[in-house]
Amino acid sequence: MFFTRSRPKRYIFSKGIDDTLIGVYNAYLFVARFFKEAFTKPFHFRVVVDQCFEIGLRSLTLITLTGFVTGVVFTKQSRPSLEVFGAASWLPSLISIALVRALGSLVTALICAGKVGSSIGAELGSMRVTEQIDAMEVSAVNPFKYLVVTRVWATVIAVPILSLYCTTVGLLGSYLNVHTHEDTSFISFMESAFEAISFIDLFTAVAKSVVFGFTIGMIGTYKGFNASQGTRGVGRAANQAVVLSMFLIFIEEIVIVQISNWIKFF
């Protein structure tokens, strides 16, 4: 009997770098497959609507509370600084700029990344490790289209709506704080608030929310759809979906803000 010595596995760079590059390539294929199947029949509109309802209902309470508290706290923190310079009348404009340009969409995206992203990753991960996705393929059902495409479309639709809602609730919280100190009417507060907001600000806020929603949906479905190693893989998929989504959201926030500043400059 002859024994052959197994050769050590050779890496192009190192194990960590090679695994990272392979993961990036697999993610690229996953995103490319989404765009290939997102605009082809069949369109599961009912599933998309159901997922939008689930995403909105799952996050609505927390977004309401967080948006309201954000508006109140930011107003209370900004008032003393503006009063020093005698510019307390600019408080509604300052709050509206902060909420519309940054806080509304960013807070909503982070909340959805924590609740929705983890839920999608855990749900699809459990379906993968229990071979439910394999059973769908055997049954001549396209699991990618039914599970991935529908959830990504749902996050793309729901996150911008929740972002606008969070901004509105934040402005309401700010108004209540201003009203208790200055007895300002609701109409005059809103007029002052929207004087400083331009169309570019609103368009950028909606565009950011769409990008954030796409990121949350893609990361959650990618990690869940490719989960492995049993129940441990399900937990890992949910955790990685949250961490990676939040990291990419901050990166996208920086990039989009810089692009919007360039547009305003020109």
Protein backbone atom coordinates (compact mmCIF):
# COMPACT_ATOMS: atom_id res chain seq x y z
CA MET A 1 0.00 0.00 0.00
CA PHE A 2 1.32 3.41 -1.00
CA PHE A 3 0.62 6.60 0.85
CA THR A 4 0.77 9.96 -0.89
CA ARG A 5 1.52 13.11 1.01
CA SER A 6 -1.24 15.68 0.57
CA ARG A 7 0.02 18.96 -0.74
CA PRO A 8 -0.82 22.08 1.25
CA LYS A 9 -3.41 24.30 -0.31
CA ARG A 10 -1.83 27.20 -2.12
CA TYR A 11 -3.28 30.70 -1.95
CA ILE A 12 -2.77 33.57 -4.34
CA PHE A 13 -2.24 36.10 -1.54
CA SER A 14 -3.28 34.58 1.80
CA LYS A 15 -6.27 32.69 3.13
CA GLY A 16 -7.94 35.80 4.54
CA ILE A 17 -7.42 37.94 1.43
CA ASP A 18 -8.45 35.15 -0.94
CA ASP A 19 -11.63 34.47 1.05
CA THR A 20 -12.46 38.19 1.04
CA LEU A 21 -11.99 38.49 -2.71
CA ILE A 22 -14.07 35.36 -3.32
CA GLY A 23 -16.80 36.80 -1.09
CA VAL A 24 -16.79 40.07 -3.03
CA TYR A 25 -17.06 38.16 -6.32
CA ASN A 26 -19.94 36.03 -5.02
CA ALA A 27 -21.71 39.18 -3.81
CA TYR A 28 -21.26 40.72 -7.26
CA LEU A 29 -22.83 37.63 -8.86
CA PHE A 30 -25.68 37.80 -6.35
CA VAL A 31 -26.42 41.47 -7.12
CA ALA A 32 -26.11 40.86 -10.87
CA ARG A 33 -28.60 37.99 -10.62
CA PHE A 34 -31.01 40.26 -8.75
CA PHE A 35 -31.01 42.87 -11.53
CA LYS A 36 -31.39 40.09 -14.08
CA GLU A 37 -34.48 38.62 -12.42
CA ALA A 38 -36.02 41.73 -10.84
CA PHE A 39 -37.52 42.94 -14.11
CA THR A 40 -38.64 39.62 -15.60
CA LYS A 41 -41.83 37.65 -15.10
CA PRO A 42 -43.34 36.36 -12.93
CA PHE A 43 -43.77 39.39 -10.66
CA HIS A 44 -44.85 38.39 -7.17
CA PHE A 45 -46.68 41.64 -6.35
CA ARG A 46 -48.67 40.06 -3.54
CA VAL A 47 -45.52 38.86 -1.80
CA VAL A 48 -43.89 42.29 -2.20
CA VAL A 49 -46.92 44.00 -0.65
CA ASP A 50 -46.96 41.51 2.22
CA GLN A 51 -43.25 42.08 2.85
CA CYS A 52 -43.73 45.88 2.78
CA PHE A 53 -46.46 45.50 5.37
CA GLU A 54 -44.27 43.28 7.52
CA ILE A 55 -41.30 45.66 7.30
CA GLY A 56 -43.39 48.73 8.06
CA LEU A 57 -45.31 47.14 10.91
CA ARG A 58 -42.16 45.64 12.41
CA SER A 59 -40.33 48.97 12.50
CA LEU A 60 -43.12 51.54 12.87
CA THR A 61 -43.27 51.73 16.67
CA LEU A 62 -39.52 52.02 17.16
CA ILE A 63 -39.16 54.54 14.34
CA THR A 64 -41.98 56.65 15.78
CA LEU A 65 -40.39 56.73 19.22
CA THR A 66 -36.86 57.28 17.92
CA GLY A 67 -37.88 60.01 15.46
CA PHE A 68 -39.86 61.89 18.11
CA VAL A 69 -37.06 61.67 20.68
CA THR A 70 -34.49 62.73 18.06
CA GLY A 71 -36.48 65.86 17.24
CA VAL A 72 -36.98 66.79 20.91
CA VAL A 73 -33.40 66.11 22.02
CA PHE A 74 -31.79 67.82 19.03
CA THR A 75 -33.96 70.90 19.61
CA LYS A 76 -33.12 71.04 23.32
CA GLN A 77 -29.40 70.65 22.60
CA SER A 78 -29.37 73.28 19.83
CA ARG A 79 -31.36 75.97 21.63
CA PRO A 80 -28.65 77.16 24.10
CA SER A 81 -26.04 77.52 21.34
CA LEU A 82 -28.36 79.57 19.14
CA GLU A 83 -29.51 81.75 22.03
CA VAL A 84 -25.91 82.74 22.73
CA PHE A 85 -25.74 84.33 19.28
CA GLY A 86 -29.30 85.65 19.39
CA ALA A 87 -30.39 83.30 16.63
CA ALA A 88 -33.06 81.26 18.42
CA SER A 89 -35.51 82.11 15.61
CA TRP A 90 -33.40 79.93 13.29
CA LEU A 91 -34.11 76.84 15.37
CA PRO A 92 -36.89 75.44 13.10
CA SER A 93 -34.66 75.83 10.04
CA LEU A 94 -31.74 74.14 11.78
CA ILE A 95 -33.85 71.17 12.88
CA SER A 96 -35.44 70.72 9.46
CA ILE A 97 -32.05 70.80 7.73
CA ALA A 98 -30.63 68.23 10.14
CA LEU A 99 -33.62 65.89 9.90
CA VAL A 100 -34.19 66.12 6.14
CA ARG A 101 -30.57 66.04 5.02
CA ALA A 102 -29.19 63.47 7.44
CA LEU A 103 -30.89 62.28 10.59
CA GLY A 104 -34.26 61.13 9.23
CA SER A 105 -32.95 58.74 6.59
CA LEU A 106 -29.92 57.65 8.62
CA VAL A 107 -31.85 56.84 11.81
CA THR A 108 -34.48 54.95 9.82
CA ALA A 109 -31.86 52.95 7.92
CA LEU A 110 -30.01 51.96 11.09
CA ILE A 111 -33.22 50.84 12.78
CA CYS A 112 -34.28 48.83 9.73
CA ALA A 113 -30.81 47.31 9.45
CA GLY A 114 -31.10 46.09 13.03
CA LYS A 115 -34.66 44.80 12.90
CA VAL A 116 -35.41 44.03 9.26
CA GLY A 117 -31.93 43.01 8.11
CA SER A 118 -31.45 40.56 10.94
CA SER A 119 -34.95 39.16 10.47
CA ILE A 120 -34.41 38.56 6.74
CA GLY A 121 -31.02 36.98 7.34
CA ALA A 122 -32.36 34.67 10.05
CA GLU A 123 -35.48 33.74 8.07
CA LEU A 124 -33.68 32.84 4.86
CA GLY A 125 -30.83 31.24 6.80
CA SER A 126 -33.22 28.90 8.59
CA MET A 127 -34.86 28.04 5.28
CA ARG A 128 -31.46 27.26 3.79
CA VAL A 129 -30.18 25.01 6.59
CA THR A 130 -33.52 23.15 6.80
CA GLU A 131 -33.39 22.58 3.02
CA GLN A 132 -36.64 24.43 2.34
CA ILE A 133 -34.93 26.41 -0.43
CA ASP A 134 -33.74 23.16 -2.01
CA ALA A 135 -37.30 21.84 -1.83
CA MET A 136 -38.55 24.93 -3.68
CA GLU A 137 -36.03 24.32 -6.45
CA VAL A 138 -37.18 20.71 -6.75
CA SER A 139 -40.79 21.94 -6.95
CA ALA A 140 -39.94 24.09 -10.01
CA VAL A 141 -40.22 27.32 -7.99
CA ASN A 142 -37.49 29.92 -8.39
CA PRO A 143 -36.46 30.54 -4.76
CA PHE A 144 -34.24 33.48 -5.67
CA LYS A 145 -37.10 35.35 -7.29
CA TYR A 146 -39.66 34.40 -4.65
CA LEU A 147 -37.48 34.97 -1.57
CA VAL A 148 -34.74 37.42 -2.55
CA VAL A 149 -36.21 39.69 -5.22
CA THR A 150 -39.46 40.27 -3.35
CA ARG A 151 -37.72 41.19 -0.09
CA VAL A 152 -35.26 43.55 -1.76
CA TRP A 153 -38.10 45.32 -3.59
CA ALA A 154 -39.97 45.56 -0.29
CA THR A 155 -37.06 47.23 1.51
CA VAL A 156 -36.48 49.60 -1.41
CA ILE A 157 -40.12 50.69 -1.20
CA ALA A 158 -40.64 50.65 2.57
CA VAL A 159 -37.45 52.33 3.83
CA PRO A 160 -38.01 55.66 1.98
CA ILE A 161 -41.60 55.79 3.26
CA LEU A 162 -40.45 55.10 6.81
CA SER A 163 -37.71 57.70 6.40
CA LEU A 164 -40.20 60.42 5.43
CA TYR A 165 -42.39 59.34 8.33
CA CYS A 166 -39.46 59.51 10.76
CA THR A 167 -38.59 63.02 9.52
CA THR A 168 -42.20 64.15 9.97
CA VAL A 169 -42.38 62.75 13.51
CA GLY A 170 -39.04 64.39 14.33
CA LEU A 171 -40.34 67.77 13.15
CA LEU A 172 -43.45 67.25 15.26
CA GLY A 173 -41.32 66.55 18.33
CA SER A 174 -39.24 69.63 17.61
CA TYR A 175 -42.36 71.76 17.25
CA LEU A 176 -43.73 70.61 20.60
CA ASN A 177 -40.46 71.56 22.27
CA VAL A 178 -40.37 74.98 20.57
CA HIS A 179 -44.05 75.57 21.35
CA THR A 180 -43.56 74.98 25.06
CA HIS A 181 -40.82 77.65 25.19
CA GLU A 182 -42.01 80.27 22.69
CA ASP A 183 -45.70 79.56 22.10
CA THR A 184 -45.03 79.33 18.34
CA SER A 185 -47.91 78.31 16.08
CA PHE A 186 -47.66 75.14 14.03
CA ILE A 187 -48.01 77.00 10.71
CA SER A 188 -45.25 79.51 11.47
CA PHE A 189 -42.96 76.71 12.66
CA MET A 190 -43.44 74.72 9.45
CA GLU A 191 -42.98 77.80 7.28
CA SER A 192 -39.68 78.56 8.99
CA ALA A 193 -38.65 74.92 8.82
CA PHE A 194 -39.20 74.49 5.08
CA GLU A 195 -37.73 77.85 4.06
CA ALA A 196 -34.26 76.33 4.35
CA ILE A 197 -35.14 73.10 2.49
CA SER A 198 -34.60 72.89 -1.27
CA PHE A 199 -35.66 70.34 -3.84
CA ILE A 200 -32.13 68.94 -3.90
CA ASP A 201 -32.37 68.23 -0.17
CA LEU A 202 -35.63 66.30 -0.55
CA PHE A 203 -34.39 64.44 -3.62
CA THR A 204 -31.14 63.51 -1.86
CA ALA A 205 -33.02 62.29 1.21
CA VAL A 206 -35.27 60.03 -0.87
CA ALA A 207 -32.35 58.79 -2.98
CA LYS A 208 -30.36 57.94 0.15
CA SER A 209 -33.30 56.05 1.59
CA VAL A 210 -33.67 54.03 -1.62
CA VAL A 211 -29.96 53.15 -1.56
CA PHE A 212 -30.13 52.28 2.15
CA GLY A 213 -33.17 50.08 1.57
CA PHE A 214 -31.46 48.29 -1.31
CA THR A 215 -28.37 47.73 0.84
CA ILE A 216 -30.37 46.33 3.77
CA GLY A 217 -32.36 44.01 1.51
CA MET A 218 -29.38 42.76 -0.47
CA ILE A 219 -27.13 42.13 2.53
CA GLY A 220 -29.87 40.42 4.52
CA THR A 221 -30.91 38.15 1.67
CA TYR A 222 -27.32 37.42 0.62
CA LYS A 223 -26.23 36.35 4.08
CA GLY A 224 -29.38 34.32 4.70
CA PHE A 225 -29.53 32.72 1.24
CA ASN A 226 -25.92 31.51 1.55
CA ALA A 227 -26.05 30.43 5.21
CA SER A 228 -24.49 27.10 6.18
CA GLN A 229 -23.36 25.05 9.19
CA GLY A 230 -26.79 24.54 10.71
CA THR A 231 -28.28 26.70 13.44
CA ARG A 232 -24.92 28.33 14.12
CA GLY A 233 -24.92 29.57 10.53
CA VAL A 234 -28.36 31.12 11.00
CA GLY A 235 -27.17 33.21 13.92
CA ARG A 236 -24.02 34.16 12.06
CA ALA A 237 -26.05 35.21 9.00
CA ALA A 238 -28.32 37.46 11.08
CA ASN A 239 -25.38 39.03 12.90
CA GLN A 240 -23.34 39.63 9.74
CA ALA A 241 -26.36 41.10 7.97
CA VAL A 242 -26.74 43.76 10.68
CA VAL A 243 -23.04 44.61 11.02
CA LEU A 244 -22.30 44.78 7.29
CA SER A 245 -25.49 46.72 6.51
CA MET A 246 -24.71 49.38 9.12
CA PHE A 247 -21.12 49.68 7.92
CA LEU A 248 -22.17 50.14 4.29
CA ILE A 249 -24.90 52.60 5.29
CA PHE A 250 -22.33 54.92 6.87
CA ILE A 251 -20.07 54.63 3.82
CA GLU A 252 -22.97 55.38 1.48
CA GLU A 253 -24.01 58.34 3.65
CA ILE A 254 -20.58 59.93 3.22
CA VAL A 255 -20.50 59.30 -0.53
CA ILE A 256 -24.03 60.56 -1.21
CA VAL A 257 -23.58 63.69 0.92
CA GLN A 258 -20.40 64.50 -0.98
CA ILE A 259 -22.14 63.99 -4.33
CA SER A 260 -25.07 66.19 -3.28
CA ASN A 261 -22.64 68.93 -2.21
CA TRP A 262 -21.01 68.79 -5.62
CA ILE A 263 -24.41 69.09 -7.30
CA LYS A 264 -25.29 72.13 -5.16
CA PHE A 265 -21.92 73.71 -5.98
CA PHE A 266 -22.46 73.40 -9.71
